[in-house]
Amino acid sequence: KGPYQPLPSEDLASWAPQTSDVEGIKAFMKRMLEL
């Protein structure tokens, strides 16, 4: 245990697609690689 409070998983990357949204993840990764 450290001094930091673990964040709820929904707060880690609200801008990223849900892990269950496979098509969303593919489109998201494609967009990120184009930047």
PDB file of N, CA and C in Angstrom:
ATOM      1  N   LYS A   1       0.849  -1.204   0.000  1.00  0.00           N
ATOM      2  CA  LYS A   1       0.000   0.000   0.000  1.00  0.00           C
ATOM      3  C   LYS A   1       0.877   1.243   0.000  1.00  0.00           C
ATOM      4  N   GLY A   2       0.529   2.186  -0.850  1.00  0.00           N
ATOM      5  CA  GLY A   2       1.293   3.423  -0.923  1.00  0.00           C
ATOM      6  C   GLY A   2       0.440   4.599  -0.484  1.00  0.00           C
ATOM      7  N   PRO A   3       0.981   5.796  -0.613  1.00  0.00           N
ATOM      8  CA  PRO A   3       0.265   7.005  -0.196  1.00  0.00           C
ATOM      9  C   PRO A   3      -0.865   7.395  -1.141  1.00  0.00           C
ATOM     10  N   TYR A   4      -0.916   6.749  -2.315  1.00  0.00           N
ATOM     11  CA  TYR A   4      -1.908   7.160  -3.307  1.00  0.00           C
ATOM     12  C   TYR A   4      -3.133   6.273  -3.266  1.00  0.00           C
ATOM     13  N   GLN A   5      -4.287   6.896  -3.393  1.00  0.00           N
ATOM     14  CA  GLN A   5      -5.551   6.159  -3.435  1.00  0.00           C
ATOM     15  C   GLN A   5      -5.721   5.634  -4.857  1.00  0.00           C
ATOM     16  N   PRO A   6      -5.958   4.334  -5.029  1.00  0.00           N
ATOM     17  CA  PRO A   6      -6.172   3.838  -6.396  1.00  0.00           C
ATOM     18  C   PRO A   6      -7.422   4.470  -7.005  1.00  0.00           C
ATOM     19  N   LEU A   7      -7.337   4.817  -8.270  1.00  0.00           N
ATOM     20  CA  LEU A   7      -8.483   5.426  -8.938  1.00  0.00           C
ATOM     21  C   LEU A   7      -9.460   4.357  -9.388  1.00  0.00           C
ATOM     22  N   PRO A   8     -10.758   4.668  -9.350  1.00  0.00           N
ATOM     23  CA  PRO A   8     -11.728   3.748  -9.945  1.00  0.00           C
ATOM     24  C   PRO A   8     -11.427   3.599 -11.433  1.00  0.00           C
ATOM     25  N   SER A   9     -11.616   2.409 -11.971  1.00  0.00           N
ATOM     26  CA  SER A   9     -11.236   2.157 -13.361  1.00  0.00           C
ATOM     27  C   SER A   9     -11.955   3.085 -14.329  1.00  0.00           C
ATOM     28  N   GLU A  10     -13.174   3.516 -14.003  1.00  0.00           N
ATOM     29  CA  GLU A  10     -13.902   4.383 -14.933  1.00  0.00           C
ATOM     30  C   GLU A  10     -13.282   5.781 -15.013  1.00  0.00           C
ATOM     31  N   ASP A  11     -12.430   6.131 -14.049  1.00  0.00           N
ATOM     32  CA  ASP A  11     -11.788   7.444 -14.065  1.00  0.00           C
ATOM     33  C   ASP A  11     -10.439   7.444 -14.775  1.00  0.00           C
ATOM     34  N   LEU A  12      -9.901   6.267 -15.071  1.00  0.00           N
ATOM     35  CA  LEU A  12      -8.544   6.207 -15.617  1.00  0.00           C
ATOM     36  C   LEU A  12      -8.428   6.844 -16.985  1.00  0.00           C
ATOM     37  N   ALA A  13      -9.348   6.520 -17.885  1.00  0.00           N
ATOM     38  CA  ALA A  13      -9.283   7.076 -19.238  1.00  0.00           C
ATOM     39  C   ALA A  13     -10.691   7.217 -19.782  1.00  0.00           C
ATOM     40  N   SER A  14     -11.376   8.245 -19.328  1.00  0.00           N
ATOM     41  CA  SER A  14     -12.765   8.445 -19.759  1.00  0.00           C
ATOM     42  C   SER A  14     -12.854   8.775 -21.237  1.00  0.00           C
ATOM     43  N   TRP A  15     -11.733   9.216 -21.841  1.00  0.00           N
ATOM     44  CA  TRP A  15     -11.711   9.560 -23.265  1.00  0.00           C
ATOM     45  C   TRP A  15     -11.490   8.329 -24.132  1.00  0.00           C
ATOM     46  N   ALA A  16     -11.104   7.223 -23.524  1.00  0.00           N
ATOM     47  CA  ALA A  16     -10.847   5.994 -24.287  1.00  0.00           C
ATOM     48  C   ALA A  16     -12.127   5.166 -24.390  1.00  0.00           C
ATOM     49  N   PRO A  17     -12.240   4.368 -25.447  1.00  0.00           N
ATOM     50  CA  PRO A  17     -13.424   3.513 -25.572  1.00  0.00           C
ATOM     51  C   PRO A  17     -13.458   2.447 -24.481  1.00  0.00           C
ATOM     52  N   GLN A  18     -14.631   1.927 -24.201  1.00  0.00           N
ATOM     53  CA  GLN A  18     -14.771   0.850 -23.228  1.00  0.00           C
ATOM     54  C   GLN A  18     -14.039  -0.390 -23.731  1.00  0.00           C
ATOM     55  N   THR A  19     -13.489  -1.176 -22.819  1.00  0.00           N
ATOM     56  CA  THR A  19     -12.726  -2.360 -23.209  1.00  0.00           C
ATOM     57  C   THR A  19     -13.603  -3.389 -23.915  1.00  0.00           C
ATOM     58  N   SER A  20     -14.903  -3.335 -23.689  1.00  0.00           N
ATOM     59  CA  SER A  20     -15.808  -4.282 -24.349  1.00  0.00           C
ATOM     60  C   SER A  20     -16.173  -3.830 -25.761  1.00  0.00           C
ATOM     61  N   ASP A  21     -15.855  -2.570 -26.086  1.00  0.00           N
ATOM     62  CA  ASP A  21     -16.208  -2.010 -27.397  1.00  0.00           C
ATOM     63  C   ASP A  21     -15.057  -2.232 -28.377  1.00  0.00           C
ATOM     64  N   VAL A  22     -14.994  -3.447 -28.940  1.00  0.00           N
ATOM     65  CA  VAL A  22     -13.855  -3.830 -29.784  1.00  0.00           C
ATOM     66  C   VAL A  22     -13.736  -2.934 -31.008  1.00  0.00           C
ATOM     67  N   GLU A  23     -14.839  -2.685 -31.698  1.00  0.00           N
ATOM     68  CA  GLU A  23     -14.802  -1.823 -32.891  1.00  0.00           C
ATOM     69  C   GLU A  23     -14.384  -0.408 -32.513  1.00  0.00           C
ATOM     70  N   GLY A  24     -14.878   0.071 -31.390  1.00  0.00           N
ATOM     71  CA  GLY A  24     -14.505   1.403 -30.917  1.00  0.00           C
ATOM     72  C   GLY A  24     -13.013   1.491 -30.634  1.00  0.00           C
ATOM     73  N   ILE A  25     -12.466   0.435 -30.049  1.00  0.00           N
ATOM     74  CA  ILE A  25     -11.033   0.400 -29.753  1.00  0.00           C
ATOM     75  C   ILE A  25     -10.223   0.414 -31.042  1.00  0.00           C
ATOM     76  N   LYS A  26     -10.642  -0.376 -32.025  1.00  0.00           N
ATOM     77  CA  LYS A  26      -9.929  -0.411 -33.310  1.00  0.00           C
ATOM     78  C   LYS A  26      -9.921   0.970 -33.958  1.00  0.00           C
ATOM     79  N   ALA A  27     -11.078   1.624 -33.987  1.00  0.00           N
ATOM     80  CA  ALA A  27     -11.175   2.955 -34.589  1.00  0.00           C
ATOM     81  C   ALA A  27     -10.333   3.955 -33.789  1.00  0.00           C
ATOM     82  N   PHE A  28     -10.373   3.817 -32.464  1.00  0.00           N
ATOM     83  CA  PHE A  28      -9.626   4.707 -31.582  1.00  0.00           C
ATOM     84  C   PHE A  28      -8.120   4.561 -31.807  1.00  0.00           C
ATOM     85  N   MET A  29      -7.634   3.324 -31.862  1.00  0.00           N
ATOM     86  CA  MET A  29      -6.209   3.087 -32.083  1.00  0.00           C
ATOM     87  C   MET A  29      -5.774   3.612 -33.449  1.00  0.00           C
ATOM     88  N   LYS A  30      -6.621   3.415 -34.450  1.00  0.00           N
ATOM     89  CA  LYS A  30      -6.323   3.904 -35.796  1.00  0.00           C
ATOM     90  C   LYS A  30      -6.179   5.433 -35.771  1.00  0.00           C
ATOM     91  N   ARG A  31      -7.096   6.113 -35.078  1.00  0.00           N
ATOM     92  CA  ARG A  31      -7.035   7.572 -34.949  1.00  0.00           C
ATOM     93  C   ARG A  31      -5.764   8.004 -34.232  1.00  0.00           C
ATOM     94  N   MET A  32      -5.414   7.316 -33.147  1.00  0.00           N
ATOM     95  CA  MET A  32      -4.233   7.690 -32.375  1.00  0.00           C
ATOM     96  C   MET A  32      -2.965   7.533 -33.218  1.00  0.00           C
ATOM     97  N   LEU A  33      -2.909   6.469 -34.027  1.00  0.00           N
ATOM     98  CA  LEU A  33      -1.725   6.231 -34.853  1.00  0.00           C
ATOM     99  C   LEU A  33      -1.605   7.248 -35.977  1.00  0.00           C
ATOM    100  N   GLU A  34      -2.720   7.856 -36.372  1.00  0.00           N
ATOM    101  CA  GLU A  34      -2.698   8.849 -37.452  1.00  0.00           C
ATOM    102  C   GLU A  34      -2.221  10.215 -36.973  1.00  0.00           C
ATOM    103  N   LEU A  35      -2.272  10.463 -35.678  1.00  0.00           N
ATOM    104  CA  LEU A  35      -1.891  11.775 -35.158  1.00  0.00           C
ATOM    105  C   LEU A  35      -0.390  12.034 -35.277  1.00  0.00           C
TER     106      LEU A  35
END
